[in-house]
Amino acid sequence: MVLIFDQFEEVLTMAPLAVEAKRAFFAAVGKALEGEKYWALFLVREDHLAAFASHRSRAWSMRLVDALSGT
């Protein structure tokens, strides 16, 4: 199954004070992607990639940021 997250930058730009909710969301998505049952496609505007840097401690988000930034 493929999960498609369009305008994924909205996770960070909407409700900036909902830090715990965002951590829980990232943890839930990360857990879902640990196995091979789910794959994900994240669509993010290039000018928002730097905002994901603070979430690099999560292995899946680090791979996401690296893949999107070409590093």
N, C-alpha and C. Protein backbone atom coordinates (compact mmCIF):
# COMPACT_ATOMS: atom_id res chain seq x y z
N MET A 1 0.84 -1.16 0.00
CA MET A 1 0.00 0.00 0.00
C MET A 1 0.89 1.24 0.00
N VAL A 2 0.51 2.23 -0.79
CA VAL A 2 1.25 3.48 -0.86
C VAL A 2 0.43 4.59 -0.21
N LEU A 3 1.07 5.29 0.71
CA LEU A 3 0.45 6.45 1.34
C LEU A 3 0.99 7.69 0.64
N ILE A 4 0.12 8.57 0.20
CA ILE A 4 0.55 9.78 -0.49
C ILE A 4 0.23 10.98 0.38
N PHE A 5 1.26 11.75 0.70
CA PHE A 5 1.12 12.95 1.51
C PHE A 5 1.40 14.16 0.62
N ASP A 6 0.36 14.78 0.11
CA ASP A 6 0.52 15.97 -0.71
C ASP A 6 0.58 17.19 0.19
N GLN A 7 1.36 18.18 -0.20
CA GLN A 7 1.55 19.41 0.57
C GLN A 7 2.00 19.08 2.00
N PHE A 8 2.96 18.16 2.12
CA PHE A 8 3.41 17.68 3.42
C PHE A 8 4.00 18.78 4.28
N GLU A 9 4.44 19.88 3.66
CA GLU A 9 4.97 20.99 4.45
C GLU A 9 3.91 21.58 5.39
N GLU A 10 2.65 21.35 5.09
CA GLU A 10 1.58 21.85 5.94
C GLU A 10 1.66 21.25 7.35
N VAL A 11 2.26 20.09 7.49
CA VAL A 11 2.43 19.48 8.81
C VAL A 11 3.21 20.43 9.73
N LEU A 12 4.16 21.14 9.15
CA LEU A 12 4.98 22.03 9.95
C LEU A 12 4.46 23.46 9.99
N THR A 13 3.79 23.90 8.93
CA THR A 13 3.38 25.30 8.87
C THR A 13 2.05 25.55 9.56
N MET A 14 1.19 24.55 9.65
CA MET A 14 -0.10 24.72 10.32
C MET A 14 0.06 24.45 11.82
N ALA A 15 -0.63 25.19 12.64
CA ALA A 15 -0.63 25.01 14.10
C ALA A 15 0.80 24.90 14.65
N PRO A 16 1.58 25.97 14.56
CA PRO A 16 2.98 25.90 14.98
C PRO A 16 3.20 25.55 16.46
N LEU A 17 2.20 25.74 17.30
CA LEU A 17 2.37 25.43 18.72
C LEU A 17 1.99 24.00 19.08
N ALA A 18 1.51 23.23 18.12
CA ALA A 18 1.09 21.85 18.36
C ALA A 18 2.27 20.89 18.24
N VAL A 19 3.32 21.16 18.97
CA VAL A 19 4.58 20.40 18.87
C VAL A 19 4.38 18.94 19.24
N GLU A 20 3.71 18.66 20.34
CA GLU A 20 3.51 17.27 20.77
C GLU A 20 2.66 16.50 19.76
N ALA A 21 1.65 17.13 19.22
CA ALA A 21 0.81 16.47 18.21
C ALA A 21 1.63 16.13 16.97
N LYS A 22 2.51 17.03 16.59
CA LYS A 22 3.36 16.78 15.42
C LYS A 22 4.35 15.66 15.69
N ARG A 23 4.92 15.64 16.90
CA ARG A 23 5.83 14.54 17.26
C ARG A 23 5.09 13.20 17.21
N ALA A 24 3.88 13.19 17.71
CA ALA A 24 3.09 11.96 17.70
C ALA A 24 2.78 11.54 16.26
N PHE A 25 2.47 12.51 15.41
CA PHE A 25 2.19 12.21 14.01
C PHE A 25 3.42 11.62 13.32
N PHE A 26 4.58 12.27 13.50
CA PHE A 26 5.81 11.76 12.89
C PHE A 26 6.14 10.37 13.41
N ALA A 27 5.93 10.14 14.70
CA ALA A 27 6.19 8.82 15.27
C ALA A 27 5.26 7.77 14.67
N ALA A 28 3.99 8.12 14.49
CA ALA A 28 3.02 7.17 13.92
C ALA A 28 3.36 6.85 12.47
N VAL A 29 3.70 7.86 11.70
CA VAL A 29 4.07 7.63 10.30
C VAL A 29 5.35 6.80 10.24
N GLY A 30 6.33 7.13 11.08
CA GLY A 30 7.57 6.37 11.11
C GLY A 30 7.35 4.91 11.45
N LYS A 31 6.49 4.66 12.42
CA LYS A 31 6.18 3.28 12.81
C LYS A 31 5.52 2.53 11.67
N ALA A 32 4.60 3.19 10.98
CA ALA A 32 3.91 2.55 9.85
C ALA A 32 4.88 2.19 8.73
N LEU A 33 5.92 3.00 8.57
CA LEU A 33 6.87 2.78 7.47
C LEU A 33 8.01 1.85 7.85
N GLU A 34 8.08 1.40 9.10
CA GLU A 34 9.16 0.50 9.51
C GLU A 34 9.11 -0.83 8.77
N GLY A 35 7.95 -1.36 8.57
CA GLY A 35 7.82 -2.62 7.85
C GLY A 35 7.76 -2.36 6.36
N GLU A 36 7.49 -3.39 5.61
CA GLU A 36 7.39 -3.23 4.16
C GLU A 36 5.95 -3.25 3.69
N LYS A 37 5.01 -3.17 4.63
CA LYS A 37 3.59 -3.18 4.27
C LYS A 37 3.19 -1.85 3.62
N TYR A 38 3.77 -0.75 4.11
CA TYR A 38 3.42 0.57 3.61
C TYR A 38 4.63 1.26 3.00
N TRP A 39 4.39 1.98 1.93
CA TRP A 39 5.38 2.86 1.31
C TRP A 39 4.75 4.24 1.32
N ALA A 40 5.55 5.27 1.24
CA ALA A 40 5.00 6.62 1.27
C ALA A 40 5.67 7.50 0.22
N LEU A 41 4.87 8.39 -0.31
CA LEU A 41 5.34 9.42 -1.23
C LEU A 41 5.01 10.76 -0.57
N PHE A 42 6.04 11.55 -0.29
CA PHE A 42 5.86 12.85 0.36
C PHE A 42 6.09 13.94 -0.67
N LEU A 43 5.11 14.78 -0.87
CA LEU A 43 5.22 15.90 -1.79
C LEU A 43 5.39 17.16 -0.96
N VAL A 44 6.56 17.81 -1.13
CA VAL A 44 6.92 18.97 -0.33
C VAL A 44 7.47 20.04 -1.26
N ARG A 45 7.01 21.28 -1.05
CA ARG A 45 7.59 22.37 -1.82
C ARG A 45 9.04 22.55 -1.41
N GLU A 46 9.89 22.78 -2.40
CA GLU A 46 11.33 22.87 -2.15
C GLU A 46 11.68 23.95 -1.12
N ASP A 47 10.96 25.05 -1.13
CA ASP A 47 11.29 26.13 -0.20
C ASP A 47 10.95 25.80 1.25
N HIS A 48 10.37 24.63 1.50
CA HIS A 48 10.04 24.21 2.87
C HIS A 48 10.92 23.06 3.37
N LEU A 49 11.84 22.58 2.57
CA LEU A 49 12.67 21.44 2.97
C LEU A 49 13.48 21.71 4.24
N ALA A 50 14.00 22.89 4.39
CA ALA A 50 14.83 23.21 5.56
C ALA A 50 14.04 23.07 6.86
N ALA A 51 12.74 23.26 6.81
CA ALA A 51 11.91 23.15 8.01
C ALA A 51 11.90 21.73 8.57
N PHE A 52 12.21 20.76 7.76
CA PHE A 52 12.22 19.38 8.21
C PHE A 52 13.53 19.00 8.91
N ALA A 53 14.52 19.85 8.87
CA ALA A 53 15.82 19.55 9.46
C ALA A 53 15.72 19.25 10.95
N SER A 54 14.81 19.92 11.66
CA SER A 54 14.69 19.68 13.09
C SER A 54 14.11 18.31 13.41
N HIS A 55 13.61 17.62 12.40
CA HIS A 55 13.04 16.29 12.59
C HIS A 55 13.99 15.19 12.13
N ARG A 56 15.25 15.54 11.90
CA ARG A 56 16.22 14.58 11.39
C ARG A 56 16.55 13.47 12.37
N SER A 57 16.19 13.62 13.63
CA SER A 57 16.48 12.56 14.60
C SER A 57 15.66 11.31 14.31
N ARG A 58 14.60 11.45 13.60
CA ARG A 58 13.80 10.29 13.19
C ARG A 58 14.44 9.72 11.92
N ALA A 59 14.78 8.47 11.93
CA ALA A 59 15.51 7.87 10.81
C ALA A 59 14.76 8.03 9.50
N TRP A 60 13.44 7.81 9.49
CA TRP A 60 12.72 7.90 8.22
C TRP A 60 12.66 9.33 7.72
N SER A 61 12.54 10.31 8.62
CA SER A 61 12.47 11.69 8.16
C SER A 61 13.84 12.16 7.68
N MET A 62 14.91 11.63 8.29
CA MET A 62 16.25 11.97 7.83
C MET A 62 16.44 11.47 6.40
N ARG A 63 16.00 10.24 6.14
CA ARG A 63 16.11 9.71 4.78
C ARG A 63 15.26 10.53 3.82
N LEU A 64 14.08 10.98 4.29
CA LEU A 64 13.20 11.81 3.47
C LEU A 64 13.88 13.12 3.10
N VAL A 65 14.42 13.82 4.09
CA VAL A 65 15.07 15.10 3.84
C VAL A 65 16.28 14.93 2.95
N ASP A 66 17.09 13.90 3.21
CA ASP A 66 18.26 13.65 2.38
C ASP A 66 17.87 13.34 0.94
N ALA A 67 16.83 12.54 0.77
CA ALA A 67 16.39 12.18 -0.58
C ALA A 67 15.85 13.39 -1.33
N LEU A 68 15.08 14.20 -0.64
CA LEU A 68 14.49 15.36 -1.29
C LEU A 68 15.51 16.44 -1.59
N SER A 69 16.52 16.56 -0.75
CA SER A 69 17.53 17.60 -0.95
C SER A 69 18.66 17.13 -1.85
N GLY A 70 18.68 15.85 -2.18
CA GLY A 70 19.70 15.33 -3.08
C GLY A 70 21.04 15.05 -2.41
N THR A 71 21.06 14.91 -1.07
CA THR A 71 22.33 14.64 -0.37
C THR A 71 22.43 13.17 -0.03
